[in-house]
Protein backbone atom coordinates (compact mmCIF):
# COMPACT_ATOMS: atom_id res chain seq x y z
CA MET A 1 101.49 139.94 49.12
CA MET A 2 99.77 136.87 47.66
CA ALA A 3 99.68 138.46 44.23
CA LEU A 4 103.42 139.22 44.38
CA LEU A 5 104.21 135.68 45.43
CA PHE A 6 102.05 134.36 42.61
CA LEU A 7 103.82 136.46 40.00
CA THR A 8 107.29 135.49 41.17
CA THR A 9 106.33 131.85 41.43
CA VAL A 10 104.76 131.64 37.99
CA LEU A 11 107.23 133.80 36.02
CA ARG A 12 110.45 132.57 37.62
CA PRO A 13 110.24 129.02 36.19
CA SER A 14 109.40 130.39 32.77
CA ILE A 15 112.35 132.75 32.77
CA CYS A 16 114.72 130.09 34.05
CA SER A 17 113.65 127.64 31.33
CA LEU A 18 115.18 129.64 28.43
CA SER A 19 117.08 127.53 25.93
CA GLU A 20 120.83 127.52 26.00
CA PRO A 21 122.39 130.31 23.82
CA THR A 22 124.08 129.35 20.63
CA ASP A 23 127.39 130.82 21.76
CA GLY A 24 127.76 128.19 24.50
CA ARG A 25 127.09 130.48 27.49
CA PRO A 26 125.36 128.83 30.50
CA LEU A 27 121.61 128.89 30.95
CA VAL A 28 119.91 131.70 32.84
CA THR A 29 119.28 130.46 36.36
CA SER A 30 117.63 133.44 38.05
CA ILE A 31 115.95 136.76 37.37
CA SER A 32 119.19 138.61 38.19
CA ASP A 33 121.10 136.62 35.54
CA PHE A 34 118.37 137.29 33.02
CA VAL A 35 118.52 141.08 33.68
CA VAL A 36 122.25 141.09 33.11
CA ASP A 37 121.93 139.11 29.90
CA PHE A 38 118.78 140.78 28.67
CA PRO A 39 120.39 143.61 26.50
CA ARG A 40 122.48 141.08 24.66
CA GLU A 41 119.87 138.36 24.15
CA ARG A 42 116.09 138.76 24.15
CA PRO A 43 114.25 135.49 24.59
CA SER A 44 112.11 134.91 21.58
CA ASN A 45 111.15 131.29 22.05
CA THR A 46 108.93 131.76 25.16
CA TRP A 47 105.21 132.48 25.32
CA PHE A 48 105.72 135.82 27.11
CA ALA A 49 108.44 137.14 24.73
CA PRO A 50 106.09 139.60 22.89
CA PHE A 51 105.18 141.24 26.23
CA LEU A 52 108.58 141.22 27.87
CA SER A 53 110.81 144.27 28.08
CA PHE A 54 113.75 145.30 30.17
CA GLU A 55 111.54 147.43 32.43
CA VAL A 56 109.21 144.52 33.03
CA VAL A 57 112.13 142.34 34.08
CA LEU A 58 113.35 144.98 36.54
CA LEU A 59 109.84 145.20 37.97
CA LEU A 60 109.74 141.45 38.44
CA LEU A 61 113.06 141.53 40.21
CA PHE A 62 111.86 144.27 42.52
CA LEU A 63 108.67 142.43 43.31
CA ASP A 64 110.64 139.28 44.04
CA LEU A 65 112.90 141.07 46.52
CA LEU A 66 109.98 142.92 48.08
CA ALA A 67 108.03 139.72 48.70
CA PHE A 68 111.03 138.06 50.32
CA ASN A 69 111.67 141.04 52.61
CA GLU A 70 108.04 141.21 53.71
CA ILE A 71 107.97 137.49 54.55
CA ARG A 72 111.17 137.85 56.51
CA ASP A 73 109.85 140.86 58.44
CA LEU A 74 106.60 139.04 59.22
CA PHE A 75 108.50 136.02 60.53
CA VAL A 76 110.71 138.25 62.72
CA ARG A 77 107.64 140.01 64.15
CA VAL A 78 105.95 136.70 65.00
CA ILE A 79 109.06 135.38 66.77
CA GLY A 80 109.38 138.62 68.70
CA HIS A 81 105.74 138.47 69.77
CA ILE A 82 106.15 134.92 71.04
CA ALA A 83 109.28 135.90 72.97
CA ASN A 84 107.41 138.78 74.63
CA LEU A 85 104.61 136.42 75.69
CA CYS A 86 107.13 134.11 77.31
CA LYS A 87 108.52 137.01 79.37
CA GLU A 88 105.09 138.03 80.62
CA ALA A 89 103.10 135.94 83.15
CA LEU A 90 99.94 134.62 81.51
CA PHE A 91 98.50 133.54 84.89
CA SER A 92 98.96 134.59 88.45
CA PRO A 93 101.48 132.70 90.62
CA ALA A 94 98.64 131.11 92.60
CA VAL A 95 97.06 129.69 89.45
CA GLU A 96 100.38 128.37 88.16
CA THR A 97 101.15 126.72 91.54
CA THR A 98 97.72 125.08 91.63
CA ALA A 99 98.20 123.74 88.11
CA VAL A 100 101.56 122.22 89.03
CA VAL A 101 100.09 120.58 92.16
CA LEU A 102 97.19 119.12 90.16
CA VAL A 103 99.56 117.69 87.56
CA VAL A 104 101.70 116.05 90.27
CA LEU A 105 98.63 114.61 91.99
CA ALA A 106 97.32 113.23 88.71
CA TRP A 107 100.67 111.58 88.06
CA LEU A 108 100.75 110.04 91.55
CA LEU A 109 97.20 108.74 91.21
CA ARG A 110 98.06 107.26 87.85
CA MET A 111 101.10 105.48 89.29
CA ASP A 112 99.18 104.05 92.28
CA ASN A 113 96.25 102.57 90.30
CA PRO A 114 94.66 100.74 93.26
CA ILE A 115 92.33 97.74 93.21
CA TYR A 116 89.35 97.94 95.55
CA LEU A 117 87.11 95.16 96.84
CA LEU A 118 83.54 96.45 96.64
CA SER A 119 81.76 93.31 97.82
CA PHE A 120 82.20 89.64 98.64
CA ALA A 121 79.62 86.85 98.74
CA THR A 122 79.81 83.15 99.56
CA PHE A 123 77.36 80.36 98.86
CA LYS A 124 74.95 79.38 101.60
CA ALA A 125 73.56 75.98 100.70
CA PRO A 126 69.90 75.17 101.31
CA ASP A 127 69.10 72.79 104.13
CA SER A 128 68.19 70.05 101.64
CA TRP A 129 71.84 69.96 100.56
CA LYS A 130 73.31 69.56 104.06
CA VAL A 131 74.30 66.15 105.40
CA SER A 132 76.16 64.80 108.41
CA GLN A 133 79.27 62.65 108.35
CA ALA A 134 77.19 59.54 109.00
CA GLU A 135 74.98 60.40 106.02
CA ILE A 136 78.08 60.88 103.85
CA VAL A 137 79.25 57.38 104.77
CA GLU A 138 75.77 56.06 103.95
CA MET A 139 75.84 57.83 100.58
CA MET A 140 79.15 56.17 99.77
CA ARG A 141 77.80 52.78 100.80
CA ARG A 142 74.74 53.23 98.55
CA GLN A 143 76.94 53.83 95.51
CA GLY A 144 77.40 50.05 95.40
CA CYS A 145 80.99 50.22 94.23
CA PHE A 146 83.11 50.66 97.36
CA THR A 147 84.53 47.80 99.43
CA GLU A 148 84.08 47.75 103.19
CA ASP A 149 87.74 48.60 103.56
CA SER A 150 87.28 51.70 101.42
CA ILE A 151 84.18 52.69 103.43
CA ASN A 152 86.11 52.43 106.69
CA PHE A 153 89.02 54.38 105.20
CA MET A 154 86.72 57.25 104.13
CA LYS A 155 85.04 57.18 107.56
CA ARG A 156 88.41 57.67 109.28
CA LEU A 157 89.25 60.49 106.89
CA LEU A 158 85.98 62.23 107.69
CA GLU A 159 86.64 62.04 111.41
CA ARG A 160 90.05 63.68 110.95
CA SER A 161 89.10 66.13 108.19
CA GLY A 162 87.82 68.85 110.49
CA THR A 163 84.55 69.17 108.60
CA GLY A 164 81.35 69.68 110.53
CA GLN A 165 78.16 67.70 110.82
CA SER A 166 76.24 69.90 108.36
CA THR A 167 78.19 70.25 105.12
CA ALA A 168 76.75 70.71 101.63
CA TRP A 169 76.63 68.02 98.97
CA PRO A 170 74.90 68.41 95.58
CA PRO A 171 71.30 67.21 95.26
CA GLY A 172 72.25 64.79 92.48
CA ILE A 173 74.25 62.78 95.03
CA VAL A 174 72.18 63.47 98.16
CA GLN A 175 69.06 62.06 96.53
CA CYS A 176 70.50 58.55 96.82
CA LEU A 177 69.60 58.72 100.53
CA GLN A 178 65.97 58.52 99.50
CA ASP A 179 64.60 55.07 98.91
CA GLY A 180 64.35 54.11 95.27
CA LYS A 181 66.60 56.88 93.90
CA GLU A 182 70.08 56.55 92.49
CA THR A 183 72.88 59.05 92.20
CA ASP A 184 72.47 61.45 89.26
CA ARG A 185 75.87 62.37 87.79
CA SER A 186 74.54 63.57 84.44
CA MET A 187 75.46 66.80 82.66
CA ASP A 188 72.05 68.29 83.53
CA ALA A 189 72.59 67.59 87.23
CA SER A 190 76.09 69.08 87.02
CA ARG A 191 74.79 72.23 85.32
CA LYS A 192 72.05 72.52 87.92
CA GLU A 193 74.61 72.48 90.72
CA ALA A 194 76.78 75.07 88.94
CA GLU A 195 73.83 77.36 88.22
CA THR A 196 72.52 77.16 91.78
CA VAL A 197 75.88 78.07 93.30
CA ILE A 198 77.12 80.63 90.79
CA PHE A 199 73.84 82.49 90.26
CA ASP A 200 73.36 82.89 94.01
CA ILE A 201 76.81 84.30 94.77
CA VAL A 202 76.88 86.56 91.70
CA GLU A 203 73.50 88.05 92.54
CA ASN A 204 74.49 88.69 96.15
CA ALA A 205 77.88 90.18 95.22
CA LEU A 206 76.35 92.60 92.71
CA ARG A 207 73.63 93.60 95.17
CA LYS A 208 76.09 94.26 98.01
CA ALA A 209 78.33 96.32 95.71
CA ASP A 210 75.34 98.24 94.31
CA VAL A 211 76.63 97.47 90.82
CA LYS A 212 74.47 96.68 87.82
CA PRO A 213 75.46 93.78 85.53
CA GLU A 214 75.95 96.23 82.66
CA GLU A 215 78.74 97.94 84.62
CA ILE A 216 80.94 94.82 84.70
CA ASP A 217 83.91 95.12 82.33
CA VAL A 218 85.82 91.93 83.24
CA LEU A 219 84.45 88.49 84.16
CA VAL A 220 86.71 85.70 85.46
CA ILE A 221 85.33 82.32 86.59
CA ASN A 222 87.46 79.41 87.78
CA CYS A 223 86.25 75.84 88.19
CA SER A 224 88.92 73.18 88.10
CA LEU A 225 87.08 69.97 87.16
CA PHE A 226 83.90 71.10 85.40
CA SER A 227 84.37 72.95 82.13
CA PRO A 228 81.21 72.65 80.00
CA THR A 229 80.32 74.13 76.63
CA PRO A 230 78.96 76.81 76.58
CA SER A 231 81.32 77.95 79.31
CA LEU A 232 80.41 79.02 82.81
CA CYS A 233 81.17 82.61 81.78
CA ALA A 234 78.65 82.35 78.97
CA MET A 235 76.13 80.99 81.46
CA VAL A 236 76.56 84.07 83.71
CA ILE A 237 76.51 86.52 80.79
CA ASN A 238 73.30 84.99 79.50
CA LYS A 239 71.62 84.92 82.93
CA PHE A 240 72.44 88.45 84.11
CA GLY A 241 72.63 90.25 80.77
CA LEU A 242 76.22 91.46 80.85
CA ARG A 243 77.45 93.67 78.01
CA GLY A 244 78.51 92.12 74.73
CA ASP A 245 82.04 93.57 75.01
CA VAL A 246 82.76 92.20 78.50
CA LEU A 247 86.16 90.50 78.80
CA SER A 248 85.34 86.96 79.97
CA PHE A 249 87.80 84.24 81.01
CA ASN A 250 86.96 80.70 82.12
CA LEU A 251 89.83 79.02 84.02
CA SER A 252 89.90 75.26 84.59
CA GLY A 253 92.34 72.61 85.76
CA MET A 254 94.22 75.02 88.05
CA GLY A 255 93.26 73.48 91.39
CA CYS A 256 92.86 75.26 94.70
CA GLY A 257 95.14 78.14 93.72
CA ALA A 258 92.86 79.24 90.89
CA SER A 259 91.06 81.75 93.12
CA LEU A 260 94.20 83.83 93.67
CA ILE A 261 95.16 83.44 90.03
CA SER A 262 91.75 84.79 89.04
CA VAL A 263 92.20 87.84 91.27
CA GLY A 264 95.61 88.49 89.73
CA LEU A 265 94.21 88.17 86.22
CA ALA A 266 91.36 90.56 87.01
CA LYS A 267 93.82 93.05 88.50
CA ASP A 268 96.03 93.01 85.39
CA LEU A 269 93.04 93.44 83.08
CA LEU A 270 91.71 96.39 85.10
CA HIS A 271 95.11 98.08 85.05
CA ARG A 272 94.99 98.06 81.25
CA ARG A 273 91.81 100.13 81.18
CA SER A 274 92.60 103.82 80.78
CA PHE A 275 89.58 105.11 82.69
CA GLY A 276 89.15 102.24 85.17
CA GLY A 277 86.51 99.55 85.33
CA LYS A 278 84.88 96.83 87.39
CA ALA A 279 85.58 93.10 87.48
CA LEU A 280 83.52 90.15 88.70
CA VAL A 281 85.55 87.17 89.95
CA VAL A 282 83.82 83.83 90.68
CA SER A 283 85.43 80.74 92.21
CA THR A 284 83.68 77.41 92.65
CA GLU A 285 83.93 73.65 92.21
CA VAL A 286 81.27 71.24 90.95
CA ILE A 287 81.10 67.92 92.79
CA THR A 288 78.32 66.10 90.89
CA PRO A 289 80.32 64.67 87.94
CA ASN A 290 83.50 64.12 89.94
CA LEU A 291 82.56 61.55 92.58
CA TYR A 292 85.14 58.78 92.42
CA HIS A 293 83.72 55.23 92.17
CA GLY A 294 86.88 53.19 92.65
CA ASN A 295 88.81 51.80 95.61
CA GLU A 296 92.33 53.24 95.31
CA ARG A 297 93.11 55.26 98.43
CA GLY A 298 94.90 58.03 96.57
CA PHE A 299 91.63 58.80 94.76
CA LEU A 300 89.30 58.31 97.76
CA LEU A 301 90.57 61.48 99.42
CA GLN A 302 88.54 63.65 97.06
CA ASN A 303 85.29 61.99 98.18
CA THR A 304 85.79 63.16 101.76
CA LEU A 305 87.57 66.53 101.53
CA PHE A 306 85.55 68.53 99.01
CA ARG A 307 82.10 70.08 99.40
CA CYS A 308 79.77 72.35 97.46
CA GLY A 309 80.65 76.02 97.69
CA GLY A 310 81.59 79.15 95.84
CA ALA A 311 82.62 82.77 96.28
CA ALA A 312 82.20 85.90 94.17
CA MET A 313 83.76 89.32 94.50
CA VAL A 314 83.42 92.65 92.72
CA LEU A 315 86.66 94.56 92.13
CA SER A 316 87.19 98.11 90.88
CA ASN A 317 90.15 100.35 90.11
CA LYS A 318 88.17 103.59 89.99
CA TRP A 319 89.19 106.18 92.59
CA SER A 320 85.56 107.17 93.04
CA ASP A 321 84.87 103.68 94.44
CA GLY A 322 87.58 103.92 97.09
CA ARG A 323 85.32 105.60 99.68
CA ARG A 324 82.86 102.68 99.72
CA ALA A 325 85.34 99.81 99.30
CA TRP A 326 85.73 97.07 101.89
CA TYR A 327 89.41 96.46 101.27
CA LYS A 328 92.26 97.64 99.04
CA LEU A 329 94.46 95.09 97.27
CA LEU A 330 98.10 95.82 98.09
CA HIS A 331 99.90 93.20 96.01
CA THR A 332 99.66 89.67 94.66
CA VAL A 333 102.44 87.08 94.55
CA ARG A 334 102.40 83.94 92.45
CA VAL A 335 104.75 80.96 92.75
CA GLN A 336 104.72 78.08 90.26
CA GLY A 337 105.99 74.67 91.30
CA THR A 338 108.23 73.31 88.55
CA THR A 339 109.40 69.98 89.96
CA GLU A 340 108.08 66.56 89.02
CA GLU A 341 106.65 66.15 92.51
CA ALA A 342 104.71 69.41 92.19
CA TYR A 343 103.33 68.35 88.81
CA ASN A 344 102.07 64.96 90.02
CA CYS A 345 100.84 65.84 93.52
CA VAL A 346 97.27 66.56 92.24
CA TYR A 347 96.65 64.49 89.12
CA GLU A 348 93.40 63.61 87.35
CA ALA A 349 93.57 60.13 85.88
CA GLU A 350 91.95 56.70 85.82
CA ASP A 351 92.68 53.91 88.25
CA GLU A 352 93.44 50.31 87.32
CA GLU A 353 89.73 49.59 86.94
CA GLY A 354 89.18 52.54 84.61
CA GLN A 355 87.40 54.75 87.16
CA ARG A 356 88.17 58.44 86.68
CA GLY A 357 89.16 60.57 89.64
CA VAL A 358 91.72 62.97 91.11
CA ARG A 359 94.70 61.37 92.82
CA LEU A 360 96.14 63.33 95.75
CA SER A 361 99.77 62.44 96.45
CA LYS A 362 101.39 62.27 99.89
CA ASP A 363 103.85 64.90 98.65
CA ILE A 364 101.16 67.57 98.41
CA VAL A 365 101.93 69.00 101.88
CA LYS A 366 105.67 69.18 101.14
CA VAL A 367 105.08 70.80 97.74
CA ALA A 368 102.72 73.36 99.26
CA GLY A 369 105.28 74.14 101.96
CA LYS A 370 108.04 74.79 99.43
CA CYS A 371 105.78 77.11 97.43
CA MET A 372 104.88 79.04 100.58
CA GLU A 373 108.56 79.31 101.44
CA LYS A 374 109.32 80.84 98.03
CA ASN A 375 106.34 83.14 98.41
């Protein structure tokens, strides 16, 4: 068959390339035309002319038709064989039903794509960090920058804040209670607070989830007011030896809602992984560099409401982790305040004396209520 196809393929172009006759008749366009014209005109200007005869041309025509018929018959036989296979059952009905059920289950599992909470850890401050409300007032008095009116205002806020008599403050500020020591608000003291809090909760979260650091695919850390370089994510990656291709995100300036935003971001990133993965979400705030040293009441609120703390959680969207998960995330909702009041209700700025701090507006409760109503 291949030899016949080769002959017809090679000789046909040569035969069809004969020069136009001198009497003006059209060129030969096929073997059939050449056979008809052959007795009247023998091609003499081609390389095969000395070997070409009328019998040879008839043989070429026969071979051409034979090759075409065999290809056609082979194609018909193949189509018929495929049609017969379609009529016959390749598998038993039980096997075909099981296959259909498995395909439907796989599609349903793919559409669900759950997010599981494998572990959760919060920061438990050492006893040396814990102070009473009276000690907090004394710490503020030892800063040497607050008026007596501001001290009394913060004292009243503490009494109404609902905080207990043993809340955590960073060692850089607590040390001012010792004679001869001043408050340390340096970058080193701030990093020390961040490392103490974050390393503790990350270690506990990974241990409770029975997850190794190398298994983490996504890392999200949020800290509103402290955003150093290298980032807090880089600090965790370097400490625990996470993989080099981990997706890390450091969120700052997003306030109290950053924890939920971080969970939503981790969920979206896990959903984009074809074979599932694990995410580590860390939420904290660093107090050391953010103690306000002015006397404007809008800024003094931060000195009485915030404490040291942090939380870490390990999330997974692998179905194999569902049996040991604590909770399953059903959905997340996010509402963004777009009014001028919402924008200015929590605002980091400097007061009239140039002291940096975070001003909390009286409209913060109303703005939060509107956001919850939309939610």
